[in-house]
């Protein structure tokens, strides 16, 4: 092999220098700068998490007050009874009483067992009501606690269609309500 000339030695020296600079830059400087940037991003995320957690901690007294308020009004949103069977009976009695007080007639009231979510009771009632009685009954169901959900309402006005005069209608209504078992607090 022949000895390298002056120009070739400079090129090799510059190549070696370039490789050393690249090794130093890529091996030392870029990881250090990248690590600093990653830690800065992590500090920023931790600072945001800390501030969010401080806001959550500051709201704990408000949440406690809301929980106390919700506990005091829970009876408005659920039937409170020792068992679900007793809650269903209370709902049946409520429909009977409401219909009687409005001047309607109760034909049947029965509990529905199937297709009822856990912690709920559902009752079906077949009633005879005038339009005014139906309106007042629905308004009463809507405004009296414990609040209930009317899942189904069917009205048949066959007698009125035959006679041409206002007559009691056959009404089928399904009402459901959540149940909170245990003693009222």
Protein backbone atom coordinates (compact mmCIF):
# COMPACT_ATOMS: atom_id res chain seq x y z
CA UNK A 1 0.00 0.00 0.00
CA UNK A 2 1.33 3.38 -0.86
CA UNK A 3 1.68 6.17 1.66
CA UNK A 4 -1.10 8.77 1.70
CA UNK A 5 -0.46 12.17 0.29
CA UNK A 6 -0.82 15.41 2.15
CA UNK A 7 -4.28 16.08 0.72
CA UNK A 8 -5.48 12.55 1.45
CA UNK A 9 -4.22 12.73 5.02
CA UNK A 10 -6.17 15.96 5.52
CA UNK A 11 -9.30 14.31 4.11
CA UNK A 12 -8.87 11.29 6.40
CA UNK A 13 -8.21 13.61 9.37
CA UNK A 14 -11.30 15.65 8.54
CA UNK A 15 -13.35 12.44 8.18
CA UNK A 16 -12.08 11.14 11.54
CA UNK A 17 -12.76 14.55 13.09
CA UNK A 18 -16.27 14.58 11.59
CA UNK A 19 -16.94 11.05 12.93
CA UNK A 20 -15.67 12.04 16.41
CA UNK A 21 -17.79 15.20 16.41
CA UNK A 22 -20.83 13.15 15.27
CA UNK A 23 -20.18 10.58 18.04
CA UNK A 24 -19.89 13.33 20.65
CA UNK A 25 -22.99 15.15 19.37
CA UNK A 26 -25.16 12.05 18.88
CA UNK A 27 -23.76 10.12 21.84
CA UNK A 28 -23.55 12.82 24.47
CA UNK A 29 -25.17 16.15 23.60
CA UNK A 30 -28.44 14.93 21.96
CA UNK A 31 -29.28 12.49 24.81
CA UNK A 32 -28.52 15.14 27.42
CA UNK A 33 -30.70 17.73 25.68
CA UNK A 34 -33.40 15.12 25.01
CA UNK A 35 -33.37 14.09 28.66
CA UNK A 36 -33.66 17.69 29.76
CA UNK A 37 -36.61 18.24 27.43
CA UNK A 38 -38.32 15.02 28.63
CA UNK A 39 -37.85 16.02 32.27
CA UNK A 40 -39.21 19.51 31.55
CA UNK A 41 -42.30 17.96 29.94
CA UNK A 42 -42.71 15.57 32.88
CA UNK A 43 -42.37 18.48 35.35
CA UNK A 44 -45.05 20.37 33.43
CA UNK A 45 -47.41 17.37 33.52
CA UNK A 46 -46.75 16.82 37.23
CA UNK A 47 -47.41 20.52 37.92
CA UNK A 48 -50.77 20.28 36.07
CA UNK A 49 -51.66 17.11 37.98
CA UNK A 50 -50.75 18.79 41.26
CA UNK A 51 -52.92 21.83 40.48
CA UNK A 52 -55.85 19.61 39.43
CA UNK A 53 -55.50 17.58 42.64
CA UNK A 54 -55.44 20.80 44.68
CA UNK A 55 -58.72 21.89 43.05
CA UNK A 56 -60.24 18.47 43.80
CA UNK A 57 -59.14 18.66 47.44
CA UNK A 58 -60.56 22.17 47.74
CA UNK A 59 -63.97 20.90 46.53
CA UNK A 60 -64.25 18.12 49.14
CA UNK A 61 -66.27 20.26 51.62
CA UNK A 62 -68.70 21.15 48.82
CA UNK A 63 -69.08 17.47 47.89
CA UNK A 64 -69.70 16.56 51.53
CA UNK A 65 -72.44 19.18 51.76
CA UNK A 66 -73.98 17.88 48.54
CA UNK A 67 -73.83 14.31 49.84
CA UNK A 68 -75.64 15.35 53.03
CA UNK A 69 -78.27 17.16 50.97
CA UNK A 70 -78.69 14.16 48.66
CA UNK A 71 -79.04 11.84 51.63
CA UNK A 72 -81.75 14.04 53.10
CA UNK A 73 -83.69 14.08 49.80
CA UNK A 74 -83.05 10.44 48.81
CA UNK A 75 -86.55 9.48 49.93
CA UNK A 76 -87.96 11.67 47.17
CA UNK A 77 -86.22 9.68 44.45
CA UNK A 78 -86.55 6.11 45.70
CA UNK A 79 -89.10 4.01 47.50
CA UNK A 80 -87.71 3.27 50.94
CA UNK A 81 -88.81 -0.15 52.17
CA UNK A 82 -87.32 -3.13 54.01
CA UNK A 83 -87.71 -5.32 50.89
CA UNK A 84 -88.45 -4.90 47.20
CA UNK A 85 -91.71 -6.82 47.64
CA UNK A 86 -92.92 -4.28 50.21
CA UNK A 87 -91.85 -1.44 47.90
CA UNK A 88 -93.93 -2.98 45.10
CA UNK A 89 -96.89 -3.22 47.47
CA UNK A 90 -96.44 0.45 48.44
CA UNK A 91 -96.42 1.41 44.75
CA UNK A 92 -99.62 -0.62 44.16
CA UNK A 93 -101.30 1.12 47.10
CA UNK A 94 -100.18 4.49 45.79
CA UNK A 95 -101.79 3.81 42.39
CA UNK A 96 -104.99 2.52 44.08
CA UNK A 97 -105.20 5.54 46.37
CA UNK A 98 -104.45 8.01 43.58
CA UNK A 99 -107.10 6.51 41.28
CA UNK A 100 -109.72 6.37 44.03
CA UNK A 101 -109.06 9.96 45.10
CA UNK A 102 -109.41 11.13 41.50
CA UNK A 103 -112.77 9.30 41.21
CA UNK A 104 -111.57 6.58 38.84
CA UNK A 105 -111.98 2.82 39.02
CA UNK A 106 -109.18 0.33 39.52
CA UNK A 107 -109.63 -2.90 37.62
CA UNK A 108 -106.33 -4.62 38.36
CA UNK A 109 -102.95 -3.71 39.79
CA UNK A 110 -100.08 -6.18 39.59
CA UNK A 111 -96.34 -6.25 40.00
CA UNK A 112 -94.25 -6.94 36.91
CA UNK A 113 -91.41 -9.34 37.62
CA UNK A 114 -89.58 -9.66 34.29
CA UNK A 115 -87.48 -7.01 32.57
CA UNK A 116 -86.98 -4.95 35.73
CA UNK A 117 -83.51 -3.62 36.56
CA UNK A 118 -81.89 -4.60 39.85
CA UNK A 119 -83.04 -2.31 42.64
CA UNK A 120 -86.28 -1.26 40.90
CA UNK A 121 -89.92 -2.32 41.15
CA UNK A 122 -92.47 -2.09 38.38
CA UNK A 123 -96.27 -2.15 38.63
CA UNK A 124 -98.95 -2.36 35.93
CA UNK A 125 -102.45 -1.01 36.55
CA UNK A 126 -105.61 -1.25 34.46
CA UNK A 127 -107.86 1.71 35.29
CA UNK A 128 -111.01 3.45 34.12
CA UNK A 129 -110.60 7.22 34.10
CA UNK A 130 -112.03 10.25 32.36
CA UNK A 131 -109.65 12.54 30.50
CA UNK A 132 -109.64 15.02 33.41
CA UNK A 133 -108.97 12.25 35.93
CA UNK A 134 -106.14 10.91 33.77
CA UNK A 135 -104.60 14.35 33.48
CA UNK A 136 -104.79 14.94 37.25
CA UNK A 137 -103.42 11.45 37.97
CA UNK A 138 -100.41 11.95 35.70
CA UNK A 139 -99.76 15.40 37.17
CA UNK A 140 -99.88 13.89 40.63
CA UNK A 141 -97.49 11.07 39.71
CA UNK A 142 -95.12 13.69 38.33
CA UNK A 143 -95.16 15.97 41.35
CA UNK A 144 -95.41 13.69 44.40
CA UNK A 145 -92.44 12.05 46.04
CA UNK A 146 -91.16 9.45 45.74
CA UNK A 147 -90.88 10.26 42.08
CA UNK A 148 -91.70 7.44 39.69
CA UNK A 149 -91.10 6.67 36.04
CA UNK A 150 -94.09 6.12 33.77
CA UNK A 151 -92.75 3.57 31.32
CA UNK A 152 -95.95 2.80 29.46
CA UNK A 153 -99.34 4.44 29.06
CA UNK A 154 -102.14 3.15 26.87
CA UNK A 155 -105.53 4.81 26.53
CA UNK A 156 -108.52 3.18 24.84
CA UNK A 157 -111.60 5.38 24.38
CA UNK A 158 -113.83 2.73 22.80
CA UNK A 159 -117.01 3.74 24.70
CA UNK A 160 -116.63 7.38 23.72
CA UNK A 161 -116.13 6.42 20.08
CA UNK A 162 -119.30 4.27 20.11
CA UNK A 163 -121.56 6.71 21.93
CA UNK A 164 -120.10 9.97 20.67
CA UNK A 165 -119.97 11.37 24.21
CA UNK A 166 -117.17 11.67 26.76
CA UNK A 167 -116.99 8.45 28.74
CA UNK A 168 -114.49 6.79 31.03
CA UNK A 169 -111.50 5.43 29.15
CA UNK A 170 -109.64 2.19 29.69
CA UNK A 171 -106.13 3.14 30.81
CA UNK A 172 -103.18 0.81 31.21
CA UNK A 173 -100.16 2.32 32.93
CA UNK A 174 -96.82 0.86 33.95
CA UNK A 175 -94.98 2.70 36.68
CA UNK A 176 -91.53 1.89 38.03
CA UNK A 177 -89.45 3.30 40.84
CA UNK A 178 -86.02 2.69 42.34
CA UNK A 179 -85.99 1.00 45.72
CA UNK A 180 -83.70 1.71 48.63
CA UNK A 181 -83.94 -1.20 51.01
CA UNK A 182 -83.41 -0.66 54.70
CA UNK A 183 -84.91 1.62 57.27
CA UNK A 184 -85.57 5.27 56.39
CA UNK A 185 -82.97 7.64 57.72
